[in-house]
Amino acid sequence: MVVLNKIYTRTGDDGDTALGNGARVAKHSLRVTSYGTVDETNATLGLARLHAEGEMDAALARIQNDLFDLGADLCRPEMEKDKEAEYPPLRVAQSQVDRLEVEIDAMNANLQPLRSFILPGGSPLAAALHLCRTVSRRAERLTVELATMEEVNPAAVKYLNRLSDWFFVAARVANENGAQDVLWVPGANR
């Protein structure tokens, strides 16, 4: 359980921060930027939830929790030493990726195939989910780049890849199952 009695610590005043294993790194390090962008995705998701109800809101709440798991995963490097850790690090699991895939397939089953690219917009929820999609794609790009330099849980990368797809399909659902999608018209304003 996390206990935060004091919000500011002054330990980062010189531009570094502590990772989950206690190592200090620059706040602009790629690892910190990766999990910071996951946090940004979570914040945009909080805004999207202002427009969601019922099962959609419940699904978004599950994803918000997953994103905290993902942030915890990314802030704790050195996966090869997990067995030696004082307490087991939290890692994103394949089951979380699998759940996203099942949910994507279920949502997509009710949608007509796309015949054009979609512009971000439509309903307020769809527009917010498109913002979530683009921020999660940035988190994915940063995490993939991090994985070229340091060890990263492969399930974390897969999760981010599926997540942006989830947001895309959910945005279509939020647009009355695609009926209110805003379609791109190539060259329309020439």
Protein backbone atom coordinates (compact mmCIF):
# COMPACT_ATOMS: atom_id res chain seq x y z
CA MET A 1 0.00 0.00 0.00
CA VAL A 2 1.27 3.44 -0.89
CA VAL A 3 1.16 6.08 1.85
CA LEU A 4 1.76 9.69 0.87
CA ASN A 5 1.87 11.91 3.93
CA LYS A 6 3.81 14.71 2.28
CA ILE A 7 3.40 15.56 -1.39
CA TYR A 8 6.59 17.50 -1.96
CA THR A 9 9.95 16.07 -0.94
CA ARG A 10 12.42 18.52 -2.50
CA THR A 11 14.52 15.53 -3.61
CA GLY A 12 13.90 16.35 -7.27
CA ASP A 13 14.83 20.02 -7.07
CA ASP A 14 18.10 19.40 -8.89
CA GLY A 15 16.39 17.75 -11.87
CA ASP A 16 16.54 14.08 -10.99
CA THR A 17 14.01 11.61 -9.65
CA ALA A 18 13.93 8.16 -8.08
CA LEU A 19 12.86 5.09 -10.02
CA GLY A 20 10.97 2.25 -8.38
CA ASN A 21 14.23 0.45 -7.58
CA GLY A 22 15.67 3.52 -5.83
CA ALA A 23 18.07 4.52 -8.61
CA ARG A 24 18.22 8.25 -9.33
CA VAL A 25 17.91 9.38 -12.94
CA ALA A 26 17.39 12.66 -14.77
CA LYS A 27 13.77 13.71 -14.99
CA HIS A 28 14.19 13.95 -18.76
CA SER A 29 15.41 10.33 -19.08
CA LEU A 30 13.57 8.22 -21.61
CA ARG A 31 12.27 5.89 -18.89
CA VAL A 32 10.75 8.79 -16.94
CA THR A 33 9.38 10.30 -20.16
CA SER A 34 7.80 6.93 -21.03
CA TYR A 35 5.97 6.43 -17.77
CA GLY A 36 5.18 10.14 -17.60
CA THR A 37 3.40 9.84 -20.94
CA VAL A 38 1.51 6.81 -19.62
CA ASP A 39 0.39 9.08 -16.77
CA GLU A 40 -0.62 11.72 -19.32
CA THR A 41 -2.68 9.06 -21.11
CA ASN A 42 -4.38 8.30 -17.81
CA ALA A 43 -5.16 11.99 -17.27
CA THR A 44 -6.76 12.28 -20.72
CA LEU A 45 -8.74 9.16 -19.90
CA GLY A 46 -10.03 10.86 -16.76
CA LEU A 47 -11.41 13.62 -18.97
CA ALA A 48 -12.99 11.07 -21.31
CA ARG A 49 -14.75 9.43 -18.37
CA LEU A 50 -16.64 12.68 -17.76
CA HIS A 51 -18.66 11.73 -20.87
CA ALA A 52 -18.92 7.97 -20.30
CA GLU A 53 -21.63 5.93 -18.62
CA GLY A 54 -22.39 2.34 -17.78
CA GLU A 55 -20.16 -0.39 -19.19
CA MET A 56 -18.04 2.10 -21.15
CA ASP A 57 -17.22 3.97 -17.94
CA ALA A 58 -16.47 0.69 -16.16
CA ALA A 59 -14.12 -0.36 -18.98
CA LEU A 60 -12.37 3.00 -18.87
CA ALA A 61 -11.97 2.66 -15.08
CA ARG A 62 -10.32 -0.75 -15.59
CA ILE A 63 -7.94 0.79 -18.12
CA GLN A 64 -7.08 3.64 -15.73
CA ASN A 65 -6.06 1.07 -13.14
CA ASP A 66 -4.05 -0.84 -15.76
CA LEU A 67 -2.25 2.39 -16.64
CA PHE A 68 -1.11 2.76 -13.03
CA ASP A 69 0.14 -0.84 -13.24
CA LEU A 70 1.96 0.08 -16.44
CA GLY A 71 3.53 3.14 -14.87
CA ALA A 72 4.69 1.05 -11.92
CA ASP A 73 6.13 -1.50 -14.36
CA LEU A 74 8.03 1.10 -16.37
CA CYS A 75 9.41 2.92 -13.32
CA ARG A 76 10.98 -0.30 -12.04
CA PRO A 77 13.84 -1.36 -14.36
CA GLU A 78 16.05 -4.43 -14.05
CA MET A 79 13.54 -7.16 -14.71
CA GLU A 80 16.26 -9.80 -14.49
CA LYS A 81 16.65 -8.93 -10.79
CA ASP A 82 12.92 -9.19 -9.99
CA LYS A 83 13.44 -12.48 -8.14
CA GLU A 84 15.97 -10.83 -5.83
CA ALA A 85 13.76 -7.82 -5.03
CA GLU A 86 12.61 -7.17 -1.46
CA TYR A 87 9.04 -7.21 -2.76
CA PRO A 88 7.93 -8.39 -6.20
CA PRO A 89 7.66 -5.55 -8.72
CA LEU A 90 4.32 -5.02 -10.38
CA ARG A 91 4.48 -6.05 -14.03
CA VAL A 92 1.82 -5.78 -16.72
CA ALA A 93 0.62 -9.29 -17.53
CA GLN A 94 -0.36 -10.89 -20.83
CA SER A 95 -3.86 -11.36 -19.38
CA GLN A 96 -4.30 -7.56 -19.41
CA VAL A 97 -3.36 -7.48 -23.11
CA ASP A 98 -5.73 -10.40 -23.77
CA ARG A 99 -8.60 -8.59 -22.02
CA LEU A 100 -8.12 -5.57 -24.30
CA GLU A 101 -8.22 -7.83 -27.36
CA VAL A 102 -11.45 -9.50 -26.22
CA GLU A 103 -13.03 -6.11 -25.58
CA ILE A 104 -11.86 -4.73 -28.94
CA ASP A 105 -13.34 -7.73 -30.75
CA ALA A 106 -16.65 -7.41 -28.88
CA MET A 107 -16.96 -3.68 -29.65
CA ASN A 108 -15.84 -4.08 -33.25
CA ALA A 109 -18.40 -6.84 -33.92
CA ASN A 110 -21.17 -4.21 -33.96
CA LEU A 111 -19.40 -1.79 -36.31
CA GLN A 112 -19.55 -1.52 -40.08
CA PRO A 113 -16.18 -1.88 -41.82
CA LEU A 114 -14.39 1.39 -42.47
CA ARG A 115 -14.31 2.75 -46.01
CA SER A 116 -12.45 5.95 -45.09
CA PHE A 117 -10.14 7.24 -42.40
CA ILE A 118 -11.88 8.88 -39.45
CA LEU A 119 -11.22 12.40 -38.28
CA PRO A 120 -11.01 12.75 -34.49
CA GLY A 121 -14.37 14.04 -33.35
CA GLY A 122 -18.05 13.31 -33.30
CA SER A 123 -19.51 13.03 -29.82
CA PRO A 124 -17.68 14.53 -26.84
CA LEU A 125 -16.76 11.02 -25.64
CA ALA A 126 -15.46 9.99 -29.07
CA ALA A 127 -13.36 13.15 -29.35
CA ALA A 128 -11.89 12.54 -25.89
CA LEU A 129 -11.15 8.90 -26.74
CA HIS A 130 -9.32 9.99 -29.89
CA LEU A 131 -7.16 12.23 -27.69
CA CYS A 132 -6.51 9.22 -25.44
CA ARG A 133 -5.57 7.24 -28.55
CA THR A 134 -3.00 9.74 -29.74
CA VAL A 135 -1.39 10.20 -26.33
CA SER A 136 -1.23 6.44 -25.81
CA ARG A 137 0.44 6.08 -29.23
CA ARG A 138 3.10 8.56 -28.10
CA ALA A 139 3.58 6.55 -24.90
CA GLU A 140 3.99 3.45 -27.05
CA ARG A 141 6.58 5.09 -29.31
CA LEU A 142 8.60 6.26 -26.31
CA THR A 143 8.40 2.86 -24.62
CA VAL A 144 9.44 1.06 -27.81
CA GLU A 145 12.41 3.43 -28.06
CA LEU A 146 13.26 2.75 -24.41
CA ALA A 147 13.15 -0.99 -25.13
CA THR A 148 15.93 -0.55 -27.70
CA MET A 149 18.23 0.71 -24.93
CA GLU A 150 17.05 -0.95 -21.73
CA GLU A 151 15.10 -4.00 -20.71
CA VAL A 152 11.34 -3.43 -20.83
CA ASN A 153 8.57 -5.89 -20.10
CA PRO A 154 7.34 -7.07 -23.55
CA ALA A 155 3.77 -7.22 -22.24
CA ALA A 156 3.98 -3.49 -21.45
CA VAL A 157 4.73 -2.69 -25.09
CA LYS A 158 1.95 -5.01 -26.28
CA TYR A 159 -0.48 -3.41 -23.85
CA LEU A 160 0.23 0.06 -25.22
CA ASN A 161 -0.14 -1.18 -28.79
CA ARG A 162 -3.55 -2.73 -28.08
CA LEU A 163 -4.65 0.23 -25.97
CA SER A 164 -4.57 2.72 -28.82
CA ASP A 165 -6.59 0.26 -30.92
CA TRP A 166 -9.04 -0.07 -28.03
CA PHE A 167 -9.47 3.70 -27.88
CA PHE A 168 -10.03 3.87 -31.65
CA VAL A 169 -12.76 1.24 -31.63
CA ALA A 170 -14.33 2.68 -28.46
CA ALA A 171 -14.45 6.11 -30.13
CA ARG A 172 -16.42 4.56 -32.99
CA VAL A 173 -18.79 2.96 -30.48
CA ALA A 174 -19.18 6.36 -28.78
CA ASN A 175 -20.16 7.77 -32.19
CA GLU A 176 -23.34 5.70 -32.25
CA ASN A 177 -21.51 2.59 -33.42
CA GLY A 178 -19.83 4.52 -36.22
CA ALA A 179 -22.96 6.25 -37.54
CA GLN A 180 -21.65 9.62 -36.35
CA ASP A 181 -18.00 9.09 -37.32
CA VAL A 182 -16.46 12.11 -39.02
CA LEU A 183 -14.97 10.76 -42.25
CA TRP A 184 -11.91 12.15 -43.98
CA VAL A 185 -12.58 13.40 -47.49
CA PRO A 186 -9.20 13.49 -49.27
CA GLY A 187 -8.56 16.83 -50.97
CA ALA A 188 -11.98 18.20 -49.97
CA ASN A 189 -10.70 21.75 -49.47
CA ARG A 190 -8.45 22.21 -52.49
